[in-house]
């Protein structure tokens, strides 16, 4: 006996073109970046990968650049600082020295200095890849749930 198609299945649902003047629904709601969130962390690391090496960069400038780049996100200074401290901790764990990622308080506020060496770029790329993997896993986990509340 042949199974009847499921009338609720989207695989069999033929859609007609959108009416003229219909806007694209691809708006994304604003996101408040949170500490420990891999999506926010990836955005911070992506910017850090592009920063000049061997000179102190104000953390406030990093925050401002993130907020200017990602208009649908809000990066608070504490969240960016947490991501930078996590990077510093990861560097210390991997290389057993503090010279690679240096965060210092100064008269104008906290600064970030990234070592100017050939080992920094591949290391930052690995950090970004780890965060991208965590983002993909969160998206996979979200797609497994039946409801936004996580039930099902």
C-alpha atoms as a PDB file:
ATOM      1  CA  UNK A   1       0.000   0.000   0.000  1.00  0.00           C
ATOM      2  CA  UNK A   2       1.322   3.441  -0.909  1.00  0.00           C
ATOM      3  CA  UNK A   3       1.548   6.114   1.809  1.00  0.00           C
ATOM      4  CA  UNK A   4      -0.563   9.207   1.317  1.00  0.00           C
ATOM      5  CA  UNK A   5       1.356  12.498   1.198  1.00  0.00           C
ATOM      6  CA  UNK A   6       1.251  14.524   4.393  1.00  0.00           C
ATOM      7  CA  UNK A   7      -0.919  17.600   3.662  1.00  0.00           C
ATOM      8  CA  UNK A   8       1.075  19.628   6.223  1.00  0.00           C
ATOM      9  CA  UNK A   9       4.434  18.878   4.593  1.00  0.00           C
ATOM     10  CA  UNK A  10       6.183  21.914   3.129  1.00  0.00           C
ATOM     11  CA  UNK A  11       7.885  19.665   0.574  1.00  0.00           C
ATOM     12  CA  UNK A  12       4.602  19.414  -1.394  1.00  0.00           C
ATOM     13  CA  UNK A  13       3.528  23.020  -0.913  1.00  0.00           C
ATOM     14  CA  UNK A  14       3.757  24.954  -4.181  1.00  0.00           C
ATOM     15  CA  UNK A  15       4.020  28.688  -3.659  1.00  0.00           C
ATOM     16  CA  UNK A  16       3.053  31.412  -6.048  1.00  0.00           C
ATOM     17  CA  UNK A  17       5.158  34.541  -6.569  1.00  0.00           C
ATOM     18  CA  UNK A  18       4.855  37.283  -3.987  1.00  0.00           C
ATOM     19  CA  UNK A  19       2.468  40.117  -4.841  1.00  0.00           C
ATOM     20  CA  UNK A  20       4.036  43.270  -6.298  1.00  0.00           C
ATOM     21  CA  UNK A  21       5.377  45.602  -3.623  1.00  0.00           C
ATOM     22  CA  UNK A  22       5.810  42.825  -1.054  1.00  0.00           C
ATOM     23  CA  UNK A  23       8.873  43.606   1.139  1.00  0.00           C
ATOM     24  CA  UNK A  24      11.581  41.033   1.863  1.00  0.00           C
ATOM     25  CA  UNK A  25      10.999  39.439   5.290  1.00  0.00           C
ATOM     26  CA  UNK A  26      14.723  39.010   5.967  1.00  0.00           C
ATOM     27  CA  UNK A  27      14.896  41.575   8.752  1.00  0.00           C
ATOM     28  CA  UNK A  28      16.910  40.448  11.749  1.00  0.00           C
ATOM     29  CA  UNK A  29      15.966  41.642  15.221  1.00  0.00           C
ATOM     30  CA  UNK A  30      18.589  43.599  17.132  1.00  0.00           C
ATOM     31  CA  UNK A  31      20.951  41.477  19.199  1.00  0.00           C
ATOM     32  CA  UNK A  32      22.488  42.430  22.502  1.00  0.00           C
ATOM     33  CA  UNK A  33      25.892  40.729  22.554  1.00  0.00           C
ATOM     34  CA  UNK A  34      26.435  38.562  25.612  1.00  0.00           C
ATOM     35  CA  UNK A  35      29.599  37.323  27.276  1.00  0.00           C
ATOM     36  CA  UNK A  36      30.366  33.727  26.407  1.00  0.00           C
ATOM     37  CA  UNK A  37      28.114  33.741  23.339  1.00  0.00           C
ATOM     38  CA  UNK A  38      30.048  32.226  20.416  1.00  0.00           C
ATOM     39  CA  UNK A  39      28.246  34.470  17.901  1.00  0.00           C
ATOM     40  CA  UNK A  40      29.448  37.615  19.685  1.00  0.00           C
ATOM     41  CA  UNK A  41      32.863  36.064  20.342  1.00  0.00           C
ATOM     42  CA  UNK A  42      33.319  35.262  16.656  1.00  0.00           C
ATOM     43  CA  UNK A  43      32.578  38.862  15.699  1.00  0.00           C
ATOM     44  CA  UNK A  44      35.110  40.140  18.243  1.00  0.00           C
ATOM     45  CA  UNK A  45      37.801  37.671  17.130  1.00  0.00           C
ATOM     46  CA  UNK A  46      37.148  38.494  13.477  1.00  0.00           C
ATOM     47  CA  UNK A  47      37.876  42.161  14.207  1.00  0.00           C
ATOM     48  CA  UNK A  48      40.905  41.341  16.376  1.00  0.00           C
ATOM     49  CA  UNK A  49      42.331  39.324  13.465  1.00  0.00           C
ATOM     50  CA  UNK A  50      42.335  42.505  11.386  1.00  0.00           C
ATOM     51  CA  UNK A  51      43.784  44.905  13.968  1.00  0.00           C
ATOM     52  CA  UNK A  52      47.305  46.293  13.553  1.00  0.00           C
ATOM     53  CA  UNK A  53      49.994  44.355  15.404  1.00  0.00           C
ATOM     54  CA  UNK A  54      52.543  45.633  17.884  1.00  0.00           C
ATOM     55  CA  UNK A  55      50.701  48.728  19.064  1.00  0.00           C
ATOM     56  CA  UNK A  56      48.195  49.474  21.804  1.00  0.00           C
ATOM     57  CA  UNK A  57      44.626  49.842  20.559  1.00  0.00           C
ATOM     58  CA  UNK A  58      42.012  51.307  22.899  1.00  0.00           C
ATOM     59  CA  UNK A  59      39.329  48.767  23.781  1.00  0.00           C
ATOM     60  CA  UNK A  60      36.819  51.611  23.397  1.00  0.00           C
ATOM     61  CA  UNK A  61      37.857  51.894  19.726  1.00  0.00           C
ATOM     62  CA  UNK A  62      37.293  48.154  19.282  1.00  0.00           C
ATOM     63  CA  UNK A  63      33.832  48.468  20.836  1.00  0.00           C
ATOM     64  CA  UNK A  64      33.011  51.443  18.600  1.00  0.00           C
ATOM     65  CA  UNK A  65      34.166  49.598  15.476  1.00  0.00           C
ATOM     66  CA  UNK A  66      32.097  46.515  16.326  1.00  0.00           C
ATOM     67  CA  UNK A  67      28.993  48.646  16.880  1.00  0.00           C
ATOM     68  CA  UNK A  68      29.612  50.500  13.589  1.00  0.00           C
ATOM     69  CA  UNK A  69      30.195  47.260  11.672  1.00  0.00           C
ATOM     70  CA  UNK A  70      27.267  45.265  13.064  1.00  0.00           C
ATOM     71  CA  UNK A  71      24.407  47.756  13.130  1.00  0.00           C
ATOM     72  CA  UNK A  72      21.935  45.116  14.299  1.00  0.00           C
ATOM     73  CA  UNK A  73      24.110  44.238  17.307  1.00  0.00           C
ATOM     74  CA  UNK A  74      25.003  46.143  20.454  1.00  0.00           C
ATOM     75  CA  UNK A  75      28.433  45.385  21.910  1.00  0.00           C
ATOM     76  CA  UNK A  76      28.885  46.715  25.427  1.00  0.00           C
ATOM     77  CA  UNK A  77      32.457  47.336  26.607  1.00  0.00           C
ATOM     78  CA  UNK A  78      32.269  44.594  29.265  1.00  0.00           C
ATOM     79  CA  UNK A  79      31.250  41.979  26.682  1.00  0.00           C
ATOM     80  CA  UNK A  80      34.126  42.941  24.372  1.00  0.00           C
ATOM     81  CA  UNK A  81      36.530  42.972  27.324  1.00  0.00           C
ATOM     82  CA  UNK A  82      35.327  39.494  28.347  1.00  0.00           C
ATOM     83  CA  UNK A  83      35.974  38.174  24.813  1.00  0.00           C
ATOM     84  CA  UNK A  84      39.439  39.760  24.783  1.00  0.00           C
ATOM     85  CA  UNK A  85      40.272  38.315  28.202  1.00  0.00           C
ATOM     86  CA  UNK A  86      39.166  34.896  26.934  1.00  0.00           C
ATOM     87  CA  UNK A  87      41.526  35.310  23.967  1.00  0.00           C
ATOM     88  CA  UNK A  88      44.329  36.311  26.318  1.00  0.00           C
ATOM     89  CA  UNK A  89      43.623  33.271  28.477  1.00  0.00           C
ATOM     90  CA  UNK A  90      43.625  30.990  25.436  1.00  0.00           C
ATOM     91  CA  UNK A  91      46.963  32.456  24.318  1.00  0.00           C
ATOM     92  CA  UNK A  92      48.460  31.894  27.747  1.00  0.00           C
ATOM     93  CA  UNK A  93      47.180  28.321  27.737  1.00  0.00           C
ATOM     94  CA  UNK A  94      48.610  27.618  24.272  1.00  0.00           C
ATOM     95  CA  UNK A  95      51.941  29.465  24.457  1.00  0.00           C
ATOM     96  CA  UNK A  96      52.631  29.771  28.207  1.00  0.00           C
ATOM     97  CA  UNK A  97      53.524  33.470  27.914  1.00  0.00           C
ATOM     98  CA  UNK A  98      51.660  36.747  28.139  1.00  0.00           C
ATOM     99  CA  UNK A  99      53.303  38.612  25.272  1.00  0.00           C
ATOM    100  CA  UNK A 100      50.873  37.568  22.512  1.00  0.00           C
ATOM    101  CA  UNK A 101      47.677  39.215  23.712  1.00  0.00           C
ATOM    102  CA  UNK A 102      48.267  42.027  26.188  1.00  0.00           C
ATOM    103  CA  UNK A 103      45.411  43.906  27.855  1.00  0.00           C
ATOM    104  CA  UNK A 104      46.478  46.837  30.008  1.00  0.00           C
ATOM    105  CA  UNK A 105      44.741  49.634  31.843  1.00  0.00           C
ATOM    106  CA  UNK A 106      46.052  53.060  31.032  1.00  0.00           C
ATOM    107  CA  UNK A 107      45.125  56.676  31.682  1.00  0.00           C
ATOM    108  CA  UNK A 108      42.766  56.683  28.678  1.00  0.00           C
ATOM    109  CA  UNK A 109      41.256  53.285  29.500  1.00  0.00           C
ATOM    110  CA  UNK A 110      42.035  49.684  28.639  1.00  0.00           C
ATOM    111  CA  UNK A 111      44.122  48.852  25.584  1.00  0.00           C
ATOM    112  CA  UNK A 112      44.835  45.705  23.589  1.00  0.00           C
ATOM    113  CA  UNK A 113      48.232  44.972  22.068  1.00  0.00           C
ATOM    114  CA  UNK A 114      48.703  41.980  19.785  1.00  0.00           C
ATOM    115  CA  UNK A 115      52.171  40.552  19.305  1.00  0.00           C
ATOM    116  CA  UNK A 116      53.681  41.165  15.891  1.00  0.00           C
ATOM    117  CA  UNK A 117      54.853  37.665  14.956  1.00  0.00           C
ATOM    118  CA  UNK A 118      54.096  34.972  12.403  1.00  0.00           C
ATOM    119  CA  UNK A 119      52.428  32.758  14.999  1.00  0.00           C
ATOM    120  CA  UNK A 120      49.552  35.170  15.706  1.00  0.00           C
ATOM    121  CA  UNK A 121      47.559  34.906  12.465  1.00  0.00           C
ATOM    122  CA  UNK A 122      47.241  31.092  12.375  1.00  0.00           C
ATOM    123  CA  UNK A 123      46.460  31.070  16.087  1.00  0.00           C
ATOM    124  CA  UNK A 124      43.683  33.681  15.723  1.00  0.00           C
ATOM    125  CA  UNK A 125      42.290  31.775  12.737  1.00  0.00           C
ATOM    126  CA  UNK A 126      42.074  28.647  14.927  1.00  0.00           C
ATOM    127  CA  UNK A 127      40.292  30.638  17.645  1.00  0.00           C
ATOM    128  CA  UNK A 128      37.797  31.931  15.077  1.00  0.00           C
ATOM    129  CA  UNK A 129      37.267  28.427  13.671  1.00  0.00           C
ATOM    130  CA  UNK A 130      36.571  27.072  17.142  1.00  0.00           C
ATOM    131  CA  UNK A 131      33.964  29.809  17.698  1.00  0.00           C
ATOM    132  CA  UNK A 132      32.429  29.240  14.243  1.00  0.00           C
ATOM    133  CA  UNK A 133      32.112  25.534  15.096  1.00  0.00           C
ATOM    134  CA  UNK A 134      30.370  26.474  18.359  1.00  0.00           C
ATOM    135  CA  UNK A 135      27.987  28.745  16.410  1.00  0.00           C
ATOM    136  CA  UNK A 136      27.149  25.946  13.975  1.00  0.00           C
ATOM    137  CA  UNK A 137      26.516  23.566  16.872  1.00  0.00           C
ATOM    138  CA  UNK A 138      24.155  26.047  18.536  1.00  0.00           C
ATOM    139  CA  UNK A 139      22.268  26.443  15.262  1.00  0.00           C
ATOM    140  CA  UNK A 140      22.059  22.656  14.829  1.00  0.00           C
ATOM    141  CA  UNK A 141      20.777  22.295  18.381  1.00  0.00           C
ATOM    142  CA  UNK A 142      18.212  25.040  17.789  1.00  0.00           C
ATOM    143  CA  UNK A 143      16.973  23.310  14.623  1.00  0.00           C
ATOM    144  CA  UNK A 144      16.502  20.018  16.527  1.00  0.00           C
ATOM    145  CA  UNK A 145      14.018  21.561  18.917  1.00  0.00           C
ATOM    146  CA  UNK A 146      10.342  21.610  17.980  1.00  0.00           C
ATOM    147  CA  UNK A 147       9.654  24.867  19.763  1.00  0.00           C
ATOM    148  CA  UNK A 148      11.550  27.988  20.745  1.00  0.00           C
ATOM    149  CA  UNK A 149      11.097  27.034  24.397  1.00  0.00           C
ATOM    150  CA  UNK A 150      13.294  23.982  23.799  1.00  0.00           C
ATOM    151  CA  UNK A 151      10.488  21.481  24.279  1.00  0.00           C
ATOM    152  CA  UNK A 152       9.989  18.521  22.016  1.00  0.00           C
END
